[in-house]
Protein backbone atom coordinates (compact mmCIF):
# COMPACT_ATOMS: atom_id res chain seq x y z
CA MET A 1 -12.35 -23.79 -6.07
CA GLY A 2 -12.06 -26.41 -3.37
CA GLN A 3 -8.46 -25.57 -2.51
CA THR A 4 -7.24 -25.61 1.04
CA HIS A 5 -5.87 -22.36 2.42
CA ASN A 6 -2.53 -21.73 4.11
CA MET A 7 -4.38 -20.94 7.33
CA ALA A 8 -7.00 -23.52 8.31
CA ASP A 9 -7.68 -22.42 11.89
CA TYR A 10 -7.15 -18.73 12.68
CA ASP A 11 -7.18 -19.09 16.48
CA GLU A 12 -4.67 -21.94 16.44
CA VAL A 13 -2.26 -20.13 14.08
CA TYR A 14 -2.55 -16.85 15.97
CA ARG A 15 -1.94 -18.53 19.32
CA SER A 16 1.04 -20.61 18.26
CA PHE A 17 2.71 -18.25 15.78
CA ARG A 18 6.34 -17.28 16.49
CA TYR A 19 8.94 -15.59 14.30
CA ARG A 20 12.59 -16.56 14.42
CA VAL A 21 14.84 -13.59 13.71
CA PRO A 22 18.42 -14.32 12.68
CA GLU A 23 21.19 -11.92 13.64
CA HIS A 24 21.97 -11.35 9.95
CA TYR A 25 19.43 -11.40 7.16
CA ASN A 26 19.44 -10.29 3.56
CA PHE A 27 16.36 -10.84 1.42
CA ALA A 28 18.37 -10.94 -1.82
CA GLY A 29 20.72 -13.62 -0.51
CA ASP A 30 18.33 -15.51 1.76
CA VAL A 31 15.21 -15.54 -0.46
CA ILE A 32 15.88 -14.48 -4.08
CA ASP A 33 19.04 -16.60 -4.36
CA LYS A 34 17.34 -19.60 -2.74
CA TRP A 35 14.56 -19.56 -5.36
CA ALA A 36 17.25 -18.97 -8.01
CA GLU A 37 18.63 -22.44 -7.25
CA HIS A 38 15.66 -23.67 -9.32
CA PRO A 39 16.72 -22.35 -12.74
CA ASN A 40 13.25 -22.13 -14.28
CA ARG A 41 11.28 -20.77 -11.33
CA LEU A 42 9.32 -17.76 -12.61
CA ALA A 43 9.68 -14.51 -10.67
CA MET A 44 7.69 -12.17 -12.90
CA TRP A 45 5.48 -12.04 -15.95
CA TRP A 46 5.59 -8.46 -17.21
CA VAL A 47 3.35 -6.94 -19.88
CA ASP A 48 2.86 -3.43 -21.18
CA ASP A 49 0.17 -1.61 -23.19
CA ASN A 50 1.96 -2.25 -26.49
CA GLY A 51 1.77 -6.03 -26.30
CA LEU A 52 5.34 -6.49 -25.11
CA GLU A 53 5.76 -9.42 -22.70
CA VAL A 54 8.80 -10.36 -20.64
CA LYS A 55 9.15 -13.30 -18.28
CA LYS A 56 11.98 -13.32 -15.75
CA THR A 57 13.13 -16.15 -13.52
CA PHE A 58 14.54 -15.74 -10.03
CA ARG A 59 17.89 -16.84 -11.46
CA GLU A 60 17.88 -13.99 -14.00
CA LEU A 61 16.85 -11.55 -11.28
CA SER A 62 19.65 -12.81 -9.04
CA ILE A 63 22.29 -12.32 -11.75
CA ILE A 64 21.13 -8.86 -12.86
CA SER A 65 20.88 -7.63 -9.27
CA LYS A 66 24.52 -8.72 -8.72
CA ARG A 67 25.62 -6.86 -11.83
CA LEU A 68 23.74 -3.74 -10.74
CA ALA A 69 25.16 -4.01 -7.20
CA ASN A 70 28.66 -4.02 -8.73
CA ALA A 71 27.77 -1.06 -10.96
CA LEU A 72 26.39 0.92 -8.00
CA THR A 73 29.53 0.17 -6.00
CA ASP A 74 31.63 1.48 -8.92
CA GLN A 75 29.51 4.64 -8.87
CA GLY A 76 30.42 5.30 -5.25
CA VAL A 77 27.36 3.84 -3.50
CA LYS A 78 28.27 2.19 -0.18
CA PRO A 79 26.32 0.08 2.33
CA GLY A 80 24.02 2.36 4.33
CA ASP A 81 23.79 4.95 1.54
CA VAL A 82 20.34 5.98 0.34
CA VAL A 83 19.34 5.23 -3.27
CA MET A 84 16.26 7.08 -4.53
CA LEU A 85 14.33 4.78 -6.85
CA ILE A 86 11.77 6.75 -8.86
CA LEU A 87 10.28 4.46 -11.51
CA GLN A 88 6.93 3.18 -12.67
CA ARG A 89 6.25 -0.55 -12.99
CA ASN A 90 9.40 -1.00 -15.05
CA ILE A 91 11.26 -4.29 -14.67
CA GLU A 92 14.26 -2.23 -13.53
CA TRP A 93 12.37 -1.30 -10.35
CA TRP A 94 12.43 -4.92 -9.11
CA GLU A 95 16.04 -5.38 -10.21
CA ALA A 96 17.14 -2.20 -8.41
CA VAL A 97 15.31 -2.98 -5.15
CA THR A 98 17.02 -6.38 -5.13
CA ALA A 99 20.45 -4.89 -5.92
CA CYS A 100 20.17 -2.28 -3.16
CA ILE A 101 19.15 -4.89 -0.60
CA ARG A 102 21.95 -7.19 -1.79
CA MET A 103 24.65 -4.55 -1.29
CA GLY A 104 23.21 -3.11 1.94
CA ALA A 105 22.22 0.24 0.45
CA VAL A 106 18.93 1.75 1.68
CA VAL A 107 16.35 1.93 -1.10
CA ALA A 108 13.93 4.88 -1.02
CA PRO A 109 11.12 4.31 -3.54
CA GLY A 110 9.00 7.18 -4.78
CA THR A 111 6.38 7.83 -7.41
CA THR A 112 7.18 9.37 -10.78
CA GLN A 113 4.53 12.00 -10.00
CA LEU A 114 6.99 13.74 -7.65
CA THR A 115 7.75 17.34 -8.61
CA ALA A 116 11.24 18.87 -8.74
CA LYS A 117 10.52 20.42 -5.33
CA ASP A 118 9.57 16.97 -3.92
CA LEU A 119 12.73 15.41 -5.36
CA LYS A 120 14.89 18.13 -3.81
CA PHE A 121 13.20 17.73 -0.42
CA ARG A 122 13.72 13.95 -0.46
CA ALA A 123 17.30 14.01 -1.75
CA GLN A 124 18.30 16.60 0.85
CA LYS A 125 16.43 15.09 3.78
CA ALA A 126 17.67 11.54 3.12
CA GLU A 127 21.13 12.73 1.99
CA ALA A 128 20.65 10.44 -0.99
CA VAL A 129 23.80 9.33 -2.81
CA CYS A 130 22.15 7.93 -5.94
CA ILE A 131 18.99 8.35 -7.98
CA ILE A 132 17.66 5.78 -10.47
CA THR A 133 14.82 7.07 -12.62
CA ASN A 134 13.37 7.62 -16.11
CA PRO A 135 14.22 10.43 -18.58
CA GLU A 136 11.19 12.52 -17.65
CA VAL A 137 12.05 12.60 -13.93
CA ALA A 138 15.76 12.95 -14.77
CA GLU A 139 14.97 16.25 -16.46
CA ARG A 140 13.06 17.39 -13.36
CA PHE A 141 15.94 16.36 -11.12
CA ASP A 142 18.50 18.17 -13.27
CA SER A 143 16.71 21.45 -12.54
CA ILE A 144 17.50 21.10 -8.81
CA ALA A 145 20.61 18.86 -8.92
CA ASP A 146 22.93 21.71 -7.89
CA GLU A 147 21.05 21.91 -4.58
CA CYS A 148 21.53 18.18 -3.92
CA PRO A 149 25.31 17.78 -3.54
CA SER A 150 25.02 14.38 -1.81
CA VAL A 151 23.78 12.77 -5.06
CA VAL A 152 26.95 11.54 -6.80
CA SER A 153 25.36 8.84 -8.95
CA ARG A 154 22.58 9.46 -11.47
CA ILE A 155 21.24 6.51 -13.45
CA VAL A 156 18.53 6.65 -16.11
CA ILE A 157 16.55 3.85 -17.79
CA SER A 158 14.89 3.60 -21.25
CA ASN A 159 16.84 6.37 -23.06
CA THR A 160 20.18 8.06 -22.57
CA VAL A 161 20.28 11.49 -20.92
CA GLU A 162 23.33 13.73 -20.96
CA GLY A 163 25.20 13.63 -17.67
CA TRP A 164 23.45 10.41 -16.56
CA SER A 165 24.73 6.83 -16.58
CA PHE A 166 22.60 4.60 -18.80
CA TYR A 167 21.17 1.65 -16.85
CA ASP A 168 21.51 -0.94 -19.62
CA ASP A 169 25.17 -0.05 -20.20
CA ILE A 170 26.31 -0.21 -16.59
CA VAL A 171 24.42 -3.47 -15.98
CA ALA A 172 25.91 -5.03 -19.13
CA ARG A 173 29.41 -4.09 -17.95
CA GLY A 174 28.88 -5.20 -14.35
CA SER A 175 30.30 -8.50 -13.14
CA ASP A 176 27.77 -11.10 -12.05
CA VAL A 177 29.99 -12.10 -9.14
CA PHE A 178 29.01 -10.14 -6.05
CA LEU A 179 29.37 -11.08 -2.39
CA THR A 180 25.98 -10.32 -0.81
CA ALA A 181 26.36 -7.98 2.18
CA GLU A 182 26.08 -9.56 5.60
CA THR A 183 23.42 -7.10 6.70
CA SER A 184 22.50 -7.00 10.37
CA SER A 185 18.84 -7.43 11.21
CA ARG A 186 18.97 -3.88 12.67
CA ASP A 187 20.43 -2.21 9.57
CA GLY A 188 18.23 0.08 7.49
CA CYS A 189 16.85 -1.58 4.35
CA ILE A 190 13.99 0.43 2.89
CA LEU A 191 12.93 4.02 3.46
CA TYR A 192 9.45 5.32 2.76
CA PHE A 193 8.42 8.95 2.79
CA THR A 194 4.97 9.05 4.34
CA SER A 195 2.69 12.06 4.36
CA GLY A 196 1.16 12.96 7.67
CA THR A 197 -2.00 15.01 7.99
CA THR A 198 0.24 17.96 8.79
CA GLY A 199 3.79 18.99 7.98
CA LEU A 200 6.21 17.65 5.42
CA PRO A 201 6.57 13.91 4.76
CA LYS A 202 8.49 11.92 7.34
CA MET A 203 10.90 9.07 6.58
CA ALA A 204 9.78 5.68 7.88
CA LEU A 205 12.85 3.42 8.04
CA HIS A 206 12.47 -0.36 7.92
CA THR A 207 15.22 -2.85 8.69
CA HIS A 208 16.61 -5.87 6.84
CA ALA A 209 15.01 -8.56 8.97
CA SER A 210 11.92 -7.04 10.55
CA TYR A 211 10.19 -5.82 7.39
CA PRO A 212 10.87 -8.63 4.88
CA ILE A 213 10.32 -11.42 7.42
CA GLY A 214 7.33 -9.54 8.83
CA HIS A 215 5.73 -9.73 5.39
CA PHE A 216 5.67 -13.52 5.64
CA THR A 217 2.20 -13.19 7.20
CA THR A 218 1.16 -10.72 4.47
CA GLY A 219 2.10 -13.21 1.76
CA LYS A 220 1.29 -16.57 3.29
CA TYR A 221 -1.81 -15.89 5.36
CA TRP A 222 -3.54 -12.84 3.87
CA LEU A 223 -2.59 -13.11 0.18
CA ASP A 224 -2.73 -16.90 0.74
CA LEU A 225 0.12 -17.44 -1.71
CA ARG A 226 1.84 -20.64 -2.76
CA GLU A 227 4.74 -21.39 -5.06
CA ASP A 228 2.50 -21.99 -8.10
CA ASP A 229 0.51 -18.75 -7.82
CA LEU A 230 0.59 -15.82 -10.25
CA HIS A 231 -0.15 -12.75 -8.13
CA TRP A 232 -1.23 -9.36 -9.46
CA ASN A 233 -0.99 -6.31 -7.23
CA ILE A 234 -2.42 -3.22 -8.90
CA SER A 235 -0.29 -0.66 -7.12
CA ASP A 236 2.08 2.18 -7.89
CA THR A 237 5.69 1.26 -7.09
CA GLY A 238 6.09 4.50 -5.12
CA TRP A 239 3.78 3.34 -2.35
CA ALA A 240 4.62 0.91 0.46
CA LYS A 241 1.87 -1.38 -0.83
CA ALA A 242 4.32 -2.40 -3.56
CA ALA A 243 6.75 -3.67 -0.91
CA TRP A 244 3.91 -5.61 0.72
CA SER A 245 2.28 -7.19 -2.26
CA SER A 246 4.61 -6.70 -5.25
CA TYR A 247 7.87 -7.69 -3.60
CA PHE A 248 8.37 -9.18 -0.12
CA GLY A 249 4.96 -10.85 0.42
CA PRO A 250 4.79 -12.85 -2.83
CA TRP A 251 8.50 -13.59 -3.23
CA ILE A 252 8.98 -14.87 0.31
CA CYS A 253 6.33 -17.45 -0.72
CA GLY A 254 8.00 -18.18 -4.07
CA SER A 255 5.04 -16.90 -6.10
CA ALA A 256 5.41 -15.21 -9.47
CA LEU A 257 4.25 -11.62 -9.99
CA PHE A 258 2.04 -10.49 -12.82
CA ILE A 259 2.95 -6.88 -13.66
CA HIS A 260 1.08 -4.57 -16.01
CA HIS A 261 3.17 -1.55 -16.90
CA THR A 262 0.88 1.31 -17.86
CA ASN A 263 0.64 5.06 -17.38
CA ARG A 264 -2.98 5.08 -16.37
CA PHE A 265 -5.41 2.66 -14.78
CA ASP A 266 -7.99 1.47 -17.27
CA PRO A 267 -10.63 -0.76 -15.62
CA LEU A 268 -11.70 -2.40 -18.90
CA LYS A 269 -8.16 -3.24 -19.97
CA THR A 270 -7.39 -4.54 -16.50
CA LEU A 271 -10.44 -6.82 -16.56
CA GLU A 272 -9.40 -8.08 -20.01
CA PHE A 273 -5.92 -8.95 -18.72
CA LEU A 274 -7.40 -10.58 -15.64
CA SER A 275 -9.48 -12.89 -17.82
CA ARG A 276 -6.73 -13.49 -20.41
CA TYR A 277 -3.74 -14.28 -18.16
CA PRO A 278 -3.64 -17.07 -15.56
CA VAL A 279 -3.71 -14.68 -12.58
CA THR A 280 -4.75 -16.56 -9.44
CA THR A 281 -4.67 -13.86 -6.76
CA LEU A 282 -5.45 -10.15 -6.98
CA CYS A 283 -4.73 -7.21 -4.72
CA GLY A 284 -6.03 -3.70 -5.33
CA ALA A 285 -7.12 -0.50 -3.64
CA PRO A 286 -10.87 -0.11 -3.03
CA THR A 287 -11.02 2.47 -5.83
CA VAL A 288 -9.92 -0.24 -8.29
CA TYR A 289 -12.79 -2.53 -7.32
CA ARG A 290 -15.26 0.40 -7.35
CA MET A 291 -14.27 1.07 -10.95
CA PHE A 292 -14.50 -2.64 -11.83
CA VAL A 293 -18.11 -2.97 -10.71
CA LEU A 294 -19.17 0.00 -12.85
CA GLN A 295 -18.22 -2.11 -15.93
CA ASP A 296 -20.32 -4.88 -17.46
CA LEU A 297 -18.67 -7.77 -15.59
CA SER A 298 -20.87 -10.36 -17.32
CA ARG A 299 -18.68 -9.93 -20.43
CA PHE A 300 -15.73 -11.57 -18.66
CA THR A 301 -14.81 -14.88 -17.10
CA PHE A 302 -11.97 -15.32 -14.63
CA PRO A 303 -11.21 -19.05 -14.72
CA ASN A 304 -8.01 -18.93 -12.66
CA LEU A 305 -8.90 -16.29 -10.06
CA ARG A 306 -9.27 -17.80 -6.60
CA HIS A 307 -8.54 -15.06 -4.07
CA CYS A 308 -8.93 -11.25 -3.96
CA VAL A 309 -7.88 -8.72 -1.35
CA ALA A 310 -8.13 -4.96 -0.91
CA ALA A 311 -6.23 -2.53 1.27
CA GLY A 312 -5.91 1.18 1.81
CA GLU A 313 -9.32 1.92 3.27
CA PRO A 314 -12.37 -0.17 4.13
CA LEU A 315 -14.36 -1.55 1.20
CA ASN A 316 -18.11 -1.06 0.93
CA PRO A 317 -20.27 -4.20 1.25
CA GLU A 318 -22.12 -3.45 -2.01
CA ILE A 319 -18.87 -3.57 -3.99
CA ILE A 320 -17.89 -6.86 -2.33
CA GLU A 321 -21.28 -8.37 -3.23
CA ALA A 322 -21.13 -7.23 -6.87
CA TRP A 323 -17.59 -8.58 -7.32
CA LYS A 324 -18.48 -11.88 -5.68
CA THR A 325 -21.46 -12.30 -8.01
CA ALA A 326 -19.19 -11.77 -11.01
CA THR A 327 -16.13 -13.77 -9.94
CA GLY A 328 -17.10 -16.04 -7.06
CA CYS A 329 -14.38 -14.36 -4.97
CA THR A 330 -15.03 -12.46 -1.77
CA ILE A 331 -12.77 -9.41 -1.56
CA ARG A 332 -10.98 -9.67 1.77
CA ASP A 333 -9.87 -6.51 3.47
CA GLY A 334 -6.47 -5.94 5.03
CA TYR A 335 -5.14 -3.13 7.17
CA GLY A 336 -1.67 -1.80 7.80
CA GLN A 337 0.46 1.28 7.33
CA THR A 338 3.63 2.50 5.66
CA GLU A 339 5.18 2.03 9.11
CA THR A 340 4.08 -1.61 9.42
CA VAL A 341 3.35 -4.88 7.69
CA LEU A 342 -0.19 -6.32 7.65
CA LEU A 343 -1.70 -5.62 11.08
CA CYS A 344 -5.16 -6.98 10.60
CA GLY A 345 -6.88 -8.93 7.86
CA MET A 346 -9.92 -10.83 6.72
CA PHE A 347 -7.97 -14.08 6.42
CA PRO A 348 -9.41 -16.71 4.04
CA CYS A 349 -10.35 -19.12 6.83
CA ILE A 350 -12.40 -16.64 8.87
CA GLU A 351 -16.02 -15.81 8.16
CA PRO A 352 -16.08 -12.50 6.27
CA ARG A 353 -17.96 -9.63 7.83
CA PHE A 354 -18.37 -7.01 5.16
CA GLY A 355 -16.93 -3.65 6.12
CA SER A 356 -14.72 -5.11 8.84
CA MET A 357 -10.91 -5.03 8.77
CA GLY A 358 -10.82 -8.58 10.06
CA LYS A 359 -8.68 -9.93 12.88
CA PRO A 360 -5.09 -9.24 14.02
CA SER A 361 -2.23 -10.76 12.03
CA PRO A 362 -0.27 -13.60 13.60
CA GLY A 363 2.66 -12.07 15.46
CA ILE A 364 0.86 -8.75 16.05
CA ASP A 365 -0.74 -7.90 19.41
CA LEU A 366 -3.30 -5.39 18.12
CA ASP A 367 -5.93 -3.73 20.27
CA VAL A 368 -8.16 -0.72 20.76
CA ILE A 369 -7.12 1.56 23.62
CA ASP A 370 -8.25 4.76 25.32
CA GLY A 371 -6.23 7.91 25.95
CA GLU A 372 -4.69 6.37 29.07
CA GLY A 373 -3.34 3.33 27.24
CA HIS A 374 -5.99 0.95 28.61
CA VAL A 375 -7.69 -1.62 26.40
CA VAL A 376 -11.33 -0.64 25.98
CA PRO A 377 -14.27 -3.08 26.15
CA PRO A 378 -15.80 -4.51 22.95
CA ASN A 379 -17.93 -2.14 20.85
CA THR A 380 -16.15 0.90 22.29
CA GLU A 381 -14.37 3.25 19.93
CA GLY A 382 -10.71 4.00 20.61
CA ASP A 383 -7.25 4.21 19.10
CA ILE A 384 -5.83 1.27 17.13
CA ALA A 385 -2.53 0.39 18.78
CA ILE A 386 0.15 -2.30 18.67
CA ARG A 387 1.66 -3.62 21.88
CA VAL A 388 5.45 -3.15 21.66
CA ALA A 389 6.47 -4.22 25.18
CA PRO A 390 7.80 -6.54 26.41
CA HIS A 391 8.25 -7.74 22.79
CA ARG A 392 8.47 -5.43 19.80
CA PRO A 393 6.78 -7.21 16.89
CA LEU A 394 8.39 -7.82 13.53
CA GLY A 395 7.28 -5.58 10.70
CA LEU A 396 7.18 -2.36 12.72
CA PHE A 397 9.43 0.40 11.39
CA ARG A 398 12.63 1.18 13.27
CA GLU A 399 12.07 4.94 13.46
CA TYR A 400 11.15 8.12 11.67
CA TRP A 401 14.70 8.57 10.48
CA LYS A 402 16.50 11.63 11.87
CA GLU A 403 13.40 12.72 13.79
CA SER A 404 13.60 11.28 17.28
CA GLU A 405 10.80 13.47 18.64
CA ARG A 406 8.40 12.43 15.89
CA THR A 407 9.33 8.81 16.53
CA ALA A 408 8.74 9.16 20.27
CA SER A 409 5.35 10.79 19.71
CA ALA A 410 4.09 7.67 17.90
CA PHE A 411 4.63 5.58 21.04
CA GLU A 412 2.69 5.77 24.28
CA GLY A 413 3.77 3.51 27.15
CA ASP A 414 3.67 -0.09 25.89
CA TRP A 415 1.93 0.89 22.66
CA TYR A 416 2.60 2.14 19.13
CA LEU A 417 -0.28 4.39 18.07
CA THR A 418 -1.42 4.04 14.46
CA GLY A 419 -3.37 7.32 14.44
CA ASP A 420 -6.47 5.40 13.31
CA ARG A 421 -9.64 4.77 15.28
CA ALA A 422 -11.76 1.65 15.40
CA TYR A 423 -13.79 -0.59 17.67
CA LYS A 424 -13.70 -4.34 18.20
CA ASP A 425 -16.88 -6.40 18.18
CA ASP A 426 -17.65 -9.24 20.61
CA ASP A 427 -15.94 -11.76 18.30
CA GLY A 428 -12.67 -9.83 17.96
CA TYR A 429 -13.30 -8.35 14.51
CA PHE A 430 -11.97 -4.81 14.05
CA TRP A 431 -14.18 -2.11 12.52
CA PHE A 432 -12.53 1.00 11.10
CA VAL A 433 -13.98 4.36 12.17
CA GLY A 434 -11.53 6.77 10.56
CA ARG A 435 -8.30 8.66 11.00
CA SER A 436 -8.17 10.27 14.41
CA ASP A 437 -8.67 13.61 12.68
CA ASP A 438 -11.31 12.53 10.13
CA VAL A 439 -14.09 11.90 12.64
CA ILE A 440 -16.92 14.42 12.23
CA LEU A 441 -18.43 15.92 15.38
CA THR A 442 -21.85 17.45 14.80
CA SER A 443 -24.56 18.37 17.33
CA GLY A 444 -22.83 16.13 19.87
CA TYR A 445 -22.71 13.13 17.52
CA ARG A 446 -19.52 11.47 16.29
CA ILE A 447 -19.76 10.38 12.66
CA GLY A 448 -17.13 8.36 10.80
CA PRO A 449 -16.99 9.49 7.17
CA PHE A 450 -16.75 5.94 5.92
CA GLU A 451 -20.25 5.11 7.22
CA VAL A 452 -21.78 7.90 5.15
CA GLU A 453 -19.67 7.03 2.08
CA SER A 454 -20.82 3.41 2.38
CA ALA A 455 -24.46 4.50 2.45
CA LEU A 456 -24.01 6.80 -0.55
CA ILE A 457 -22.34 4.19 -2.73
CA GLU A 458 -25.37 1.93 -2.39
CA HIS A 459 -27.25 4.45 -4.51
CA PRO A 460 -26.93 3.74 -8.25
CA ALA A 461 -26.18 7.39 -9.04
CA VAL A 462 -22.98 7.39 -6.94
CA ALA A 463 -19.67 6.16 -8.39
CA GLU A 464 -17.51 7.44 -5.53
CA SER A 465 -17.75 9.90 -2.68
CA ALA A 466 -15.75 11.59 0.05
CA VAL A 467 -17.30 12.86 3.24
CA VAL A 468 -15.87 15.55 5.51
CA SER A 469 -17.01 18.05 8.11
CA SER A 470 -18.16 21.48 6.97
CA PRO A 471 -18.66 24.55 9.17
CA ASP A 472 -22.20 25.37 10.27
CA GLU A 473 -23.35 28.23 12.48
CA THR A 474 -25.96 26.24 14.35
CA ARG A 475 -24.34 22.84 14.72
CA GLY A 476 -20.67 23.78 14.68
CA ALA A 477 -20.11 21.29 11.90
CA VAL A 478 -22.24 19.28 9.51
CA VAL A 479 -21.62 16.36 7.20
CA LYS A 480 -20.72 17.32 3.62
CA ALA A 481 -20.39 14.86 0.74
CA PHE A 482 -18.41 15.34 -2.46
CA VAL A 483 -19.94 12.98 -5.00
CA ILE A 484 -18.71 11.66 -8.34
CA LEU A 485 -21.76 10.56 -10.32
CA ALA A 486 -22.07 7.27 -12.19
CA PRO A 487 -22.43 7.57 -15.98
CA GLY A 488 -25.87 8.72 -17.08
CA TYR A 489 -26.74 10.80 -14.00
CA THR A 490 -26.93 14.59 -13.72
CA GLY A 491 -26.34 16.48 -10.50
CA ASN A 492 -29.28 18.69 -9.46
CA ASP A 493 -31.37 19.63 -6.42
CA VAL A 494 -33.72 16.72 -6.95
CA LEU A 495 -30.83 14.24 -6.84
CA VAL A 496 -29.36 15.97 -3.76
CA LYS A 497 -32.67 15.41 -1.92
CA GLU A 498 -32.85 11.82 -3.17
CA LEU A 499 -29.34 11.03 -1.92
CA GLN A 500 -30.03 12.66 1.45
CA ASP A 501 -33.20 10.62 1.90
CA HIS A 502 -31.35 7.48 0.83
CA VAL A 503 -28.66 7.96 3.47
CA LYS A 504 -31.30 8.63 6.14
CA LYS A 505 -32.92 5.31 5.22
CA VAL A 506 -29.82 3.10 5.20
CA THR A 507 -27.97 4.58 8.16
CA ALA A 508 -28.83 6.60 11.26
CA PRO A 509 -30.78 9.68 10.10
CA TYR A 510 -28.43 12.12 11.85
CA LYS A 511 -25.58 10.94 9.61
CA TYR A 512 -27.07 12.20 6.37
CA PRO A 513 -25.02 14.79 4.41
CA ARG A 514 -26.64 18.20 4.85
CA LYS A 515 -24.46 19.49 2.02
CA ILE A 516 -23.71 17.67 -1.26
CA THR A 517 -21.43 18.91 -4.03
CA PHE A 518 -21.10 17.04 -7.33
CA VAL A 519 -17.50 16.83 -8.58
CA GLU A 520 -15.59 15.30 -11.50
CA SER A 521 -12.72 13.98 -9.38
CA LEU A 522 -11.51 13.68 -5.78
CA PRO A 523 -8.06 14.52 -4.42
CA LYS A 524 -6.15 11.31 -3.75
CA THR A 525 -2.79 10.19 -2.48
CA ILE A 526 -0.48 8.39 -4.88
CA SER A 527 -1.78 5.14 -3.42
CA GLY A 528 -5.40 5.96 -4.25
CA LYS A 529 -6.62 6.94 -0.78
CA ILE A 530 -8.98 9.90 -0.77
CA ARG A 531 -7.32 12.94 0.77
CA ARG A 532 -10.18 14.03 3.02
CA VAL A 533 -7.76 16.40 4.77
CA GLU A 534 -7.58 18.48 1.58
CA LEU A 535 -11.35 18.70 1.20
CA ARG A 536 -11.77 19.47 4.88
CA SER A 537 -9.19 22.27 4.70
CA MET A 538 -11.06 23.82 1.78
CA GLU A 539 -14.31 23.69 3.69
CA TRP A 540 -12.83 25.31 6.76
CA GLY A 541 -10.97 27.95 4.76
CA LYS A 542 -7.49 26.63 5.52
CA ALA A 543 -6.54 25.69 1.97
């Protein structure tokens, strides 16, 4: 569209980039309230499936968050206390995150798909003092509330529930005068439960300065946001991606958020909204784009869309091509973790290389290392790691809260280990190989599942796939693919052979899936990443 980007020269920005970290920082006071000085500056444009629309300015958000901070204080919540926030894309989610930050409470978001057992685990482990949720989850929580004595405040939205404070009432009664907490840059701000490949979820704790300020690069350079943008991030609020792209990243840039509150992702409805509303930038998981390109995209026009990104796992080149043909936008990949901000991205000013994660974010010294902590040469696979000495970068979590050994195990010498594997090409682009434990070893070969999935999705019969290792007497392990078929195709032996031959043609022949199972759905995390660990466990009889 002929617009200049926030980053014109990657090498120059990366070389000269420096963060300034104040001793005290509070996103609600230092960012939300600054934008609130402009009374009409839009913070969010919220719509639901019933045609309801709400627009909120930063000023309105500032006032409501002060009222809620007062209400939480009255309910016994103190700075440093953990508030469990279990909501969908309700407006109250954004208000509550802002209120918690404002008062110095630690907000712990979670998805509404959590079971009673999950809620109990989280409340006990975090010693949560308050829970803010909807009536459905409130009922679940009530069944285990007796086992969570630390929770003294229970707040429900939408409808009243016996024994719970009603959100609308306490906010209406709260004063809109509140002195924003002078939070230290080292104080805990946001707590994410993150599932490892083994064991129960761990608590990644981010601080008041490092995480919000660290997302400056997420918002300005990767999302490429400006004050007049309307940004849509299609993400569940329970996942850290919401903090990246639905909260800190856009709002630090002064952009407005477009929010679609819905119980289920509908690709057609989403495309309709994207063409109807003046959304300029879009962020979604690869699964979202995979579902988009299965629709008839020629039915839509996207006059305002100028920039699209994806994160969560690498995106297949075929999907990028199909989306670009339909919209004129190249989907640019980004990489990071619950424990970090954006670590690596296909920034708008760099030449896209489809399938690559891009180049390191400004402020992040990212590299590929071997088991001894040495940087490996280009085109050599190794562990993705962040250099943390002599300077620890902004955006890296403070610790796995209350688990010092787990925290220590994530660091090796001068490095933080992401647990992911990749290689760097001669030009400094990173190429994802897989989780350290997802790599398939067969007949002496190492095969990254993503390579096989990328080959499969090029075939018109394949809507989505997941590839894992499967036991084999001769080879130790072989490649197995679980395939969801595109509409109009039937799974049979003929198609199995066709898909195997196809993979042999488009990638190295040894990578083809010796076993293929057709399935209706794939196990996924809340954030839409395929849970290969679950499929692998089933194959190896550990499930």
